[in-house]
Amino acid sequence: MPKTTIYHNPRCSKSRQTLELLDTHGIEVNIIEYLKTPPGIEQLEEILKLLNMQPRELMRTSESAYKDNALDDPGLSREQLIQAMVDHPGLIQRPIVLNKGKA
């Protein structure tokens, strides 16, 4: 079973390049197309912890869902921002690679 996981969007050039780099180095990868299989709250919490990031730092602020849902509101809680990424996975910056407890 692969020890490396990539949250991948095949339409994203950076995500494709990252996957190609991993393949070039012979790294077996568990590919999660996160637009089809979005991470849940617990998974996002773990990713944020590994990256040492706040939810908004993991968000694509240029996405229409960010503006449409007023996610720039500083009054939104951590939980609300994470839930927004669960509900709208296109908001998640990609790719995210997890390997041996690191991101």
N, C-alpha and C. Protein backbone atom coordinates (compact mmCIF):
# COMPACT_ATOMS: atom_id res chain seq x y z
N MET A 1 0.85 -1.19 0.00
CA MET A 1 0.00 0.00 0.00
C MET A 1 0.89 1.24 0.00
N PRO A 2 0.58 2.23 -0.86
CA PRO A 2 1.40 3.43 -0.94
C PRO A 2 1.40 4.22 0.37
N LYS A 3 2.57 4.76 0.70
CA LYS A 3 2.69 5.58 1.90
C LYS A 3 2.48 7.06 1.58
N THR A 4 2.40 7.37 0.29
CA THR A 4 2.24 8.74 -0.15
C THR A 4 0.84 8.92 -0.73
N THR A 5 0.20 9.99 -0.34
CA THR A 5 -1.13 10.33 -0.85
C THR A 5 -1.08 11.71 -1.46
N ILE A 6 -1.73 11.86 -2.60
CA ILE A 6 -1.85 13.17 -3.22
C ILE A 6 -3.33 13.49 -3.39
N TYR A 7 -3.71 14.68 -2.93
CA TYR A 7 -5.04 15.21 -3.21
C TYR A 7 -4.88 15.93 -4.54
N HIS A 8 -5.48 15.35 -5.57
CA HIS A 8 -5.16 15.68 -6.96
C HIS A 8 -6.38 16.19 -7.71
N ASN A 9 -6.11 17.16 -8.58
CA ASN A 9 -7.11 17.64 -9.53
C ASN A 9 -6.48 17.47 -10.91
N PRO A 10 -6.96 16.52 -11.71
CA PRO A 10 -6.33 16.27 -13.01
C PRO A 10 -6.38 17.46 -13.96
N ARG A 11 -7.23 18.44 -13.69
CA ARG A 11 -7.31 19.62 -14.56
C ARG A 11 -6.29 20.69 -14.17
N CYS A 12 -5.60 20.49 -13.06
CA CYS A 12 -4.63 21.46 -12.56
C CYS A 12 -3.22 21.08 -13.03
N SER A 13 -2.55 21.99 -13.71
CA SER A 13 -1.22 21.69 -14.24
C SER A 13 -0.21 21.42 -13.13
N LYS A 14 -0.26 22.16 -12.04
CA LYS A 14 0.67 21.94 -10.93
C LYS A 14 0.45 20.56 -10.30
N SER A 15 -0.79 20.18 -10.22
CA SER A 15 -1.12 18.87 -9.66
C SER A 15 -0.61 17.76 -10.58
N ARG A 16 -0.79 17.92 -11.87
CA ARG A 16 -0.29 16.93 -12.83
C ARG A 16 1.23 16.87 -12.80
N GLN A 17 1.89 18.02 -12.70
CA GLN A 17 3.35 18.05 -12.63
C GLN A 17 3.85 17.35 -11.37
N THR A 18 3.17 17.58 -10.26
CA THR A 18 3.57 16.94 -9.00
C THR A 18 3.42 15.43 -9.10
N LEU A 19 2.33 14.98 -9.67
CA LEU A 19 2.10 13.54 -9.84
C LEU A 19 3.17 12.94 -10.76
N GLU A 20 3.51 13.65 -11.81
CA GLU A 20 4.56 13.19 -12.73
C GLU A 20 5.92 13.10 -12.02
N LEU A 21 6.22 14.09 -11.19
CA LEU A 21 7.48 14.09 -10.43
C LEU A 21 7.55 12.89 -9.49
N LEU A 22 6.46 12.62 -8.80
CA LEU A 22 6.41 11.47 -7.90
C LEU A 22 6.61 10.17 -8.69
N ASP A 23 5.97 10.09 -9.84
CA ASP A 23 6.09 8.90 -10.69
C ASP A 23 7.52 8.74 -11.21
N THR A 24 8.14 9.85 -11.61
CA THR A 24 9.52 9.83 -12.10
C THR A 24 10.47 9.28 -11.05
N HIS A 25 10.19 9.57 -9.80
CA HIS A 25 11.04 9.10 -8.70
C HIS A 25 10.61 7.73 -8.19
N GLY A 26 9.66 7.11 -8.89
CA GLY A 26 9.24 5.76 -8.54
C GLY A 26 8.46 5.67 -7.24
N ILE A 27 7.83 6.78 -6.86
CA ILE A 27 7.07 6.80 -5.61
C ILE A 27 5.65 6.34 -5.89
N GLU A 28 5.25 5.28 -5.21
CA GLU A 28 3.89 4.76 -5.32
C GLU A 28 2.94 5.72 -4.62
N VAL A 29 1.87 6.09 -5.28
CA VAL A 29 0.99 7.13 -4.76
C VAL A 29 -0.46 6.67 -4.71
N ASN A 30 -1.12 6.99 -3.61
CA ASN A 30 -2.56 6.85 -3.49
C ASN A 30 -3.14 8.18 -3.98
N ILE A 31 -3.86 8.15 -5.08
CA ILE A 31 -4.40 9.37 -5.68
C ILE A 31 -5.84 9.57 -5.23
N ILE A 32 -6.10 10.73 -4.65
CA ILE A 32 -7.46 11.10 -4.27
C ILE A 32 -7.86 12.30 -5.12
N GLU A 33 -8.79 12.09 -6.02
CA GLU A 33 -9.32 13.21 -6.80
C GLU A 33 -10.32 13.92 -5.90
N TYR A 34 -9.84 14.94 -5.23
CA TYR A 34 -10.61 15.54 -4.15
C TYR A 34 -11.88 16.26 -4.61
N LEU A 35 -12.01 16.55 -5.90
CA LEU A 35 -13.28 17.13 -6.36
C LEU A 35 -14.37 16.05 -6.43
N LYS A 36 -13.95 14.81 -6.67
CA LYS A 36 -14.90 13.69 -6.70
C LYS A 36 -15.09 13.10 -5.31
N THR A 37 -14.02 13.07 -4.52
CA THR A 37 -14.03 12.51 -3.17
C THR A 37 -13.44 13.54 -2.22
N PRO A 38 -14.23 14.53 -1.83
CA PRO A 38 -13.70 15.61 -0.99
C PRO A 38 -13.28 15.10 0.39
N PRO A 39 -12.22 15.70 0.93
CA PRO A 39 -11.84 15.34 2.30
C PRO A 39 -12.91 15.82 3.27
N GLY A 40 -13.05 15.10 4.36
CA GLY A 40 -13.99 15.50 5.40
C GLY A 40 -13.35 16.47 6.38
N ILE A 41 -14.11 16.86 7.36
CA ILE A 41 -13.63 17.81 8.36
C ILE A 41 -12.38 17.29 9.06
N GLU A 42 -12.41 16.03 9.50
CA GLU A 42 -11.26 15.47 10.21
C GLU A 42 -10.01 15.43 9.33
N GLN A 43 -10.19 15.07 8.06
CA GLN A 43 -9.05 15.02 7.14
C GLN A 43 -8.47 16.42 6.94
N LEU A 44 -9.34 17.40 6.76
CA LEU A 44 -8.85 18.77 6.57
C LEU A 44 -8.15 19.28 7.82
N GLU A 45 -8.68 18.96 8.98
CA GLU A 45 -8.03 19.36 10.24
C GLU A 45 -6.62 18.77 10.30
N GLU A 46 -6.49 17.50 9.93
CA GLU A 46 -5.18 16.83 9.95
C GLU A 46 -4.23 17.48 8.94
N ILE A 47 -4.72 17.76 7.74
CA ILE A 47 -3.90 18.41 6.71
C ILE A 47 -3.43 19.78 7.20
N LEU A 48 -4.35 20.56 7.76
CA LEU A 48 -3.99 21.88 8.27
C LEU A 48 -2.93 21.78 9.37
N LYS A 49 -3.09 20.79 10.23
CA LYS A 49 -2.12 20.59 11.31
C LYS A 49 -0.75 20.25 10.73
N LEU A 50 -0.71 19.33 9.77
CA LEU A 50 0.56 18.93 9.16
C LEU A 50 1.23 20.08 8.42
N LEU A 51 0.42 20.92 7.80
CA LEU A 51 0.95 22.07 7.06
C LEU A 51 1.21 23.28 7.95
N ASN A 52 0.73 23.20 9.20
CA ASN A 52 0.84 24.33 10.12
C ASN A 52 0.21 25.58 9.50
N MET A 53 -1.02 25.41 9.01
CA MET A 53 -1.73 26.49 8.33
C MET A 53 -3.09 26.71 8.97
N GLN A 54 -3.60 27.91 8.74
CA GLN A 54 -4.97 28.24 9.10
C GLN A 54 -5.85 27.92 7.89
N PRO A 55 -7.14 27.67 8.09
CA PRO A 55 -8.01 27.28 6.98
C PRO A 55 -7.96 28.23 5.78
N ARG A 56 -7.99 29.51 6.03
CA ARG A 56 -8.02 30.46 4.92
C ARG A 56 -6.74 30.37 4.07
N GLU A 57 -5.63 29.96 4.67
CA GLU A 57 -4.37 29.82 3.94
C GLU A 57 -4.41 28.66 2.94
N LEU A 58 -5.31 27.73 3.15
CA LEU A 58 -5.45 26.57 2.27
C LEU A 58 -6.52 26.81 1.20
N MET A 59 -7.12 27.99 1.21
CA MET A 59 -8.23 28.27 0.31
C MET A 59 -7.80 29.06 -0.92
N ARG A 60 -8.44 28.74 -2.02
CA ARG A 60 -8.25 29.48 -3.26
C ARG A 60 -9.22 30.67 -3.22
N THR A 61 -8.68 31.81 -2.85
CA THR A 61 -9.52 32.99 -2.64
C THR A 61 -10.05 33.58 -3.95
N SER A 62 -9.52 33.14 -5.07
CA SER A 62 -10.00 33.64 -6.36
C SER A 62 -11.21 32.86 -6.88
N GLU A 63 -11.55 31.76 -6.23
CA GLU A 63 -12.70 30.95 -6.67
C GLU A 63 -14.01 31.69 -6.41
N SER A 64 -14.97 31.51 -7.30
CA SER A 64 -16.27 32.18 -7.14
C SER A 64 -16.95 31.75 -5.84
N ALA A 65 -16.78 30.50 -5.43
CA ALA A 65 -17.39 30.02 -4.18
C ALA A 65 -16.88 30.81 -2.97
N TYR A 66 -15.65 31.28 -3.05
CA TYR A 66 -15.08 32.08 -1.95
C TYR A 66 -15.84 33.41 -1.84
N LYS A 67 -16.03 34.05 -2.98
CA LYS A 67 -16.74 35.33 -3.00
C LYS A 67 -18.23 35.14 -2.75
N ASP A 68 -18.82 34.16 -3.41
CA ASP A 68 -20.26 33.92 -3.30
C ASP A 68 -20.70 33.61 -1.87
N ASN A 69 -19.82 33.01 -1.10
CA ASN A 69 -20.14 32.63 0.28
C ASN A 69 -19.53 33.58 1.31
N ALA A 70 -19.04 34.72 0.82
CA ALA A 70 -18.46 35.76 1.70
C ALA A 70 -17.44 35.18 2.68
N LEU A 71 -16.57 34.32 2.16
CA LEU A 71 -15.59 33.65 3.02
C LEU A 71 -14.45 34.57 3.44
N ASP A 72 -14.45 35.79 2.92
CA ASP A 72 -13.45 36.77 3.35
C ASP A 72 -13.87 37.46 4.65
N ASP A 73 -15.05 37.15 5.14
CA ASP A 73 -15.55 37.73 6.39
C ASP A 73 -14.65 37.30 7.55
N PRO A 74 -13.96 38.26 8.20
CA PRO A 74 -13.05 37.91 9.29
C PRO A 74 -13.77 37.32 10.50
N GLY A 75 -15.08 37.45 10.55
CA GLY A 75 -15.84 36.92 11.68
C GLY A 75 -16.15 35.43 11.58
N LEU A 76 -15.82 34.82 10.43
CA LEU A 76 -16.09 33.39 10.28
C LEU A 76 -15.14 32.58 11.13
N SER A 77 -15.67 31.54 11.73
CA SER A 77 -14.86 30.68 12.60
C SER A 77 -14.05 29.69 11.76
N ARG A 78 -13.08 29.10 12.41
CA ARG A 78 -12.26 28.04 11.80
C ARG A 78 -13.18 26.93 11.27
N GLU A 79 -14.14 26.53 12.09
CA GLU A 79 -15.06 25.46 11.72
C GLU A 79 -15.87 25.82 10.48
N GLN A 80 -16.32 27.07 10.40
CA GLN A 80 -17.10 27.50 9.24
C GLN A 80 -16.26 27.47 7.97
N LEU A 81 -15.00 27.88 8.07
CA LEU A 81 -14.12 27.87 6.90
C LEU A 81 -13.82 26.44 6.45
N ILE A 82 -13.58 25.56 7.40
CA ILE A 82 -13.32 24.16 7.05
C ILE A 82 -14.56 23.54 6.42
N GLN A 83 -15.72 23.83 6.98
CA GLN A 83 -16.97 23.31 6.41
C GLN A 83 -17.16 23.81 4.99
N ALA A 84 -16.78 25.06 4.73
CA ALA A 84 -16.89 25.60 3.37
C ALA A 84 -16.02 24.80 2.40
N MET A 85 -14.83 24.37 2.83
CA MET A 85 -13.97 23.56 1.96
C MET A 85 -14.56 22.17 1.74
N VAL A 86 -15.23 21.64 2.75
CA VAL A 86 -15.91 20.35 2.60
C VAL A 86 -17.05 20.49 1.59
N ASP A 87 -17.81 21.57 1.72
CA ASP A 87 -18.97 21.80 0.85
C ASP A 87 -18.56 22.20 -0.57
N HIS A 88 -17.42 22.88 -0.69
CA HIS A 88 -16.94 23.40 -1.98
C HIS A 88 -15.46 23.02 -2.14
N PRO A 89 -15.17 21.76 -2.47
CA PRO A 89 -13.78 21.31 -2.51
C PRO A 89 -12.91 22.05 -3.52
N GLY A 90 -13.52 22.72 -4.48
CA GLY A 90 -12.76 23.53 -5.43
C GLY A 90 -12.03 24.68 -4.77
N LEU A 91 -12.40 24.98 -3.53
CA LEU A 91 -11.71 26.04 -2.78
C LEU A 91 -10.34 25.60 -2.29
N ILE A 92 -10.09 24.31 -2.25
CA ILE A 92 -8.84 23.79 -1.66
C ILE A 92 -7.68 23.99 -2.62
N GLN A 93 -6.61 24.60 -2.11
CA GLN A 93 -5.38 24.74 -2.89
C GLN A 93 -4.84 23.35 -3.18
N ARG A 94 -4.31 23.15 -4.35
CA ARG A 94 -3.77 21.85 -4.70
C ARG A 94 -2.45 22.02 -5.38
N PRO A 95 -1.71 20.97 -5.48
CA PRO A 95 -1.94 19.67 -4.87
C PRO A 95 -1.50 19.65 -3.41
N ILE A 96 -1.98 18.67 -2.70
CA ILE A 96 -1.52 18.42 -1.33
C ILE A 96 -0.96 17.00 -1.33
N VAL A 97 0.27 16.88 -0.88
CA VAL A 97 0.93 15.57 -0.83
C VAL A 97 1.22 15.23 0.63
N LEU A 98 0.78 14.06 1.04
CA LEU A 98 1.04 13.57 2.40
C LEU A 98 1.97 12.37 2.30
N ASN A 99 3.01 12.39 3.15
CA ASN A 99 3.98 11.29 3.14
C ASN A 99 4.60 11.15 4.52
N LYS A 100 4.47 9.98 5.08
CA LYS A 100 5.10 9.65 6.37
C LYS A 100 4.78 10.68 7.45
N GLY A 101 3.51 11.05 7.54
CA GLY A 101 3.08 11.97 8.59
C GLY A 101 3.44 13.42 8.34
N LYS A 102 3.83 13.74 7.12
CA LYS A 102 4.17 15.13 6.76
C LYS A 102 3.38 15.52 5.52
N ALA A 103 3.24 16.83 5.35
CA ALA A 103 2.55 17.33 4.16
C ALA A 103 3.43 18.34 3.45
